[in-house]
Protein backbone atom coordinates (compact mmCIF):
# COMPACT_ATOMS: atom_id res chain seq x y z
CA UNK A 1 64.31 99.65 83.10
CA UNK A 2 65.36 95.97 82.97
CA UNK A 3 67.13 96.62 79.68
CA UNK A 4 69.03 99.56 81.23
CA UNK A 5 70.13 97.39 84.17
CA UNK A 6 71.23 94.60 81.81
CA UNK A 7 73.15 97.07 79.65
CA UNK A 8 74.75 98.60 82.74
CA UNK A 9 75.84 95.14 83.96
CA UNK A 10 77.23 94.32 80.52
CA UNK A 11 79.11 97.63 80.36
CA UNK A 12 80.51 96.99 83.85
CA UNK A 13 81.68 93.51 82.81
CA UNK A 14 83.43 94.92 79.72
CA UNK A 15 85.08 97.59 81.89
CA UNK A 16 86.29 94.91 84.34
CA UNK A 17 87.65 92.79 81.45
CA UNK A 18 89.52 95.78 80.00
CA UNK A 19 91.01 96.72 83.37
CA UNK A 20 92.08 93.11 83.94
CA UNK A 21 93.76 93.02 80.52
CA UNK A 22 95.60 96.23 81.47
CA UNK A 23 96.64 94.66 84.79
CA UNK A 24 98.02 91.62 82.93
CA UNK A 25 100.04 93.91 80.64
CA UNK A 26 101.39 95.78 83.68
CA UNK A 27 102.31 92.45 85.31
CA UNK A 28 104.38 91.51 82.23
CA UNK A 29 106.21 94.85 82.43
CA UNK A 30 106.74 94.37 86.17
CA UNK A 31 108.24 90.92 85.56
CA UNK A 32 110.51 92.34 82.85
CA UNK A 33 111.78 94.94 85.33
CA UNK A 34 112.64 92.22 87.86
CA UNK A 35 109.35 91.92 89.74
CA UNK A 36 106.86 89.15 90.35
CA UNK A 37 103.80 88.49 88.11
CA UNK A 38 101.17 89.77 90.53
CA UNK A 39 99.16 93.00 90.10
CA UNK A 40 96.06 94.15 92.02
CA UNK A 41 93.58 96.90 91.09
CA UNK A 42 90.41 98.08 92.84
CA UNK A 43 87.36 99.25 90.89
CA UNK A 44 84.43 101.13 92.41
CA UNK A 45 80.84 100.97 91.17
CA UNK A 46 81.10 104.73 90.62
CA UNK A 47 83.86 104.25 88.03
CA UNK A 48 86.77 104.93 90.40
CA UNK A 49 89.88 102.87 89.64
CA UNK A 50 92.78 102.63 92.07
CA UNK A 51 96.42 102.88 91.27
CA UNK A 52 97.67 99.39 90.47
CA UNK A 53 99.46 97.60 93.25
CA UNK A 54 102.37 95.34 92.37
CA UNK A 55 103.94 92.67 94.53
CA UNK A 56 106.74 94.41 96.43
CA UNK A 57 107.80 91.60 98.77
CA UNK A 58 111.29 91.29 97.25
CA UNK A 59 111.84 95.03 96.97
CA UNK A 60 110.69 95.92 100.49
CA UNK A 61 111.28 92.77 102.53
CA UNK A 62 107.69 93.16 103.75
CA UNK A 63 106.05 89.72 103.56
CA UNK A 64 102.61 91.37 103.42
CA UNK A 65 103.43 93.57 100.40
CA UNK A 66 101.36 91.43 98.05
CA UNK A 67 99.91 93.27 95.04
CA UNK A 68 96.35 93.13 96.39
CA UNK A 69 97.35 94.48 99.80
CA UNK A 70 99.48 97.22 98.21
CA UNK A 71 96.44 98.31 96.15
CA UNK A 72 94.19 98.24 99.25
CA UNK A 73 96.72 100.29 101.26
CA UNK A 74 96.79 102.89 98.48
CA UNK A 75 92.98 102.99 98.32
CA UNK A 76 92.72 103.57 102.06
CA UNK A 77 95.07 106.55 101.70
CA UNK A 78 93.45 108.13 98.64
CA UNK A 79 89.72 107.49 99.01
CA UNK A 80 87.46 108.30 101.98
CA UNK A 81 85.72 104.92 101.73
CA UNK A 82 88.97 103.09 101.03
CA UNK A 83 88.33 99.73 99.39
CA UNK A 84 84.78 99.42 100.74
CA UNK A 85 82.35 98.33 98.04
CA UNK A 86 85.05 98.03 95.39
CA UNK A 87 85.86 94.98 93.29
CA UNK A 88 89.41 93.63 93.47
CA UNK A 89 91.06 92.55 90.23
CA UNK A 90 94.17 90.37 90.56
CA UNK A 91 96.40 88.82 87.94
CA UNK A 92 96.84 85.77 90.18
CA UNK A 93 94.14 84.42 92.48
CA UNK A 94 94.66 86.08 95.86
CA UNK A 95 96.24 84.05 98.63
CA UNK A 96 94.26 83.37 101.80
CA UNK A 97 95.79 86.40 103.56
CA UNK A 98 94.83 88.72 100.70
CA UNK A 99 91.27 87.36 100.71
CA UNK A 100 91.05 88.07 104.46
CA UNK A 101 92.48 91.60 104.12
CA UNK A 102 90.11 92.34 101.23
CA UNK A 103 87.13 91.10 103.25
CA UNK A 104 88.21 93.14 106.29
CA UNK A 105 88.32 96.28 104.12
CA UNK A 106 84.86 95.73 102.63
CA UNK A 107 85.84 94.61 99.13
CA UNK A 108 82.62 93.45 97.45
CA UNK A 109 83.95 91.06 94.80
CA UNK A 110 87.16 89.45 93.57
CA UNK A 111 88.11 88.68 89.97
CA UNK A 112 91.35 87.00 88.99
CA UNK A 113 93.07 86.09 85.72
CA UNK A 114 95.03 82.98 86.81
CA UNK A 115 93.90 80.57 89.50
CA UNK A 116 96.10 79.30 92.35
CA UNK A 117 96.71 75.95 90.65
CA UNK A 118 98.03 77.56 87.48
CA UNK A 119 100.17 79.94 89.56
CA UNK A 120 101.60 76.86 91.32
CA UNK A 121 102.61 75.40 87.95
CA UNK A 122 104.69 78.56 87.46
CA UNK A 123 106.44 78.06 90.80
CA UNK A 124 104.18 80.21 92.97
CA UNK A 125 102.54 77.54 95.10
CA UNK A 126 100.65 79.23 97.91
CA UNK A 127 97.82 76.67 98.04
CA UNK A 128 98.88 75.39 101.47
CA UNK A 129 97.76 78.71 102.98
CA UNK A 130 94.11 77.97 102.27
CA UNK A 131 91.99 76.30 104.91
CA UNK A 132 88.43 75.11 104.37
CA UNK A 133 87.60 76.31 107.89
CA UNK A 134 88.89 79.81 107.13
CA UNK A 135 87.19 80.56 103.80
CA UNK A 136 85.74 84.03 103.34
CA UNK A 137 82.64 84.91 101.34
CA UNK A 138 84.93 86.63 98.84
CA UNK A 139 86.88 83.44 98.31
CA UNK A 140 83.65 81.49 97.80
CA UNK A 141 82.33 83.95 95.19
CA UNK A 142 85.57 84.94 93.43
CA UNK A 143 85.46 84.58 89.65
CA UNK A 144 88.14 83.83 87.13
CA UNK A 145 88.08 86.10 84.08
CA UNK A 146 89.06 84.60 80.76
CA UNK A 147 91.19 87.49 79.53
CA UNK A 148 93.58 86.86 76.68
CA UNK A 149 97.25 86.81 77.64
CA UNK A 150 96.33 85.98 81.25
CA UNK A 151 99.25 83.53 81.39
CA UNK A 152 101.74 86.01 79.88
CA UNK A 153 103.16 87.37 83.19
CA UNK A 154 103.76 83.87 84.53
CA UNK A 155 105.15 82.57 81.23
CA UNK A 156 107.47 85.57 80.98
CA UNK A 157 108.61 85.04 84.57
CA UNK A 158 109.51 81.43 83.77
CA UNK A 159 111.34 82.49 80.60
CA UNK A 160 113.45 84.97 82.53
CA UNK A 161 114.10 82.70 85.52
CA UNK A 162 114.22 79.21 84.00
CA UNK A 163 117.84 78.61 85.03
CA UNK A 164 117.30 79.89 88.56
CA UNK A 165 115.62 78.11 91.43
CA UNK A 166 111.85 78.33 91.69
CA UNK A 167 110.42 81.30 93.59
CA UNK A 168 109.75 80.97 97.26
CA UNK A 169 106.17 80.59 98.41
CA UNK A 170 106.98 83.35 100.90
CA UNK A 171 107.14 85.88 98.06
CA UNK A 172 103.47 85.49 97.23
């Protein structure tokens, strides 16, 4: 029984890694089509995987249309339990607002490819939004995944926008 549980946990971890790698690839494509390097995906323990959410702040003018929130909105519409109990995968560490929305919708875990400090080096500095007094359990337990190419969406964004001004923190 212990061996089955260990194998199941290992299989789940591989599944999460694969889905994160796919999210990173989607983020590169989104950047190449004019978008921002943020993608969010929800994964249920039962194998359910949400449609990927991409950051739509520029396209919609909605300052809350972050990739993670877009994915959560889609999950609420397509699944009776919404995001409850699901893990959130994000190409960039979620901002404080996204952590709060995920917690409010019952997300059980957060995994990210690039942390907030690395995102800031690419011009997406949303670190000021974090407050030590306002930390959620999800933020405390979030884990960075060491997927290959994790920097690719941010690097590609910089390549395409190197002569332009840096992105606004409001877009994250």
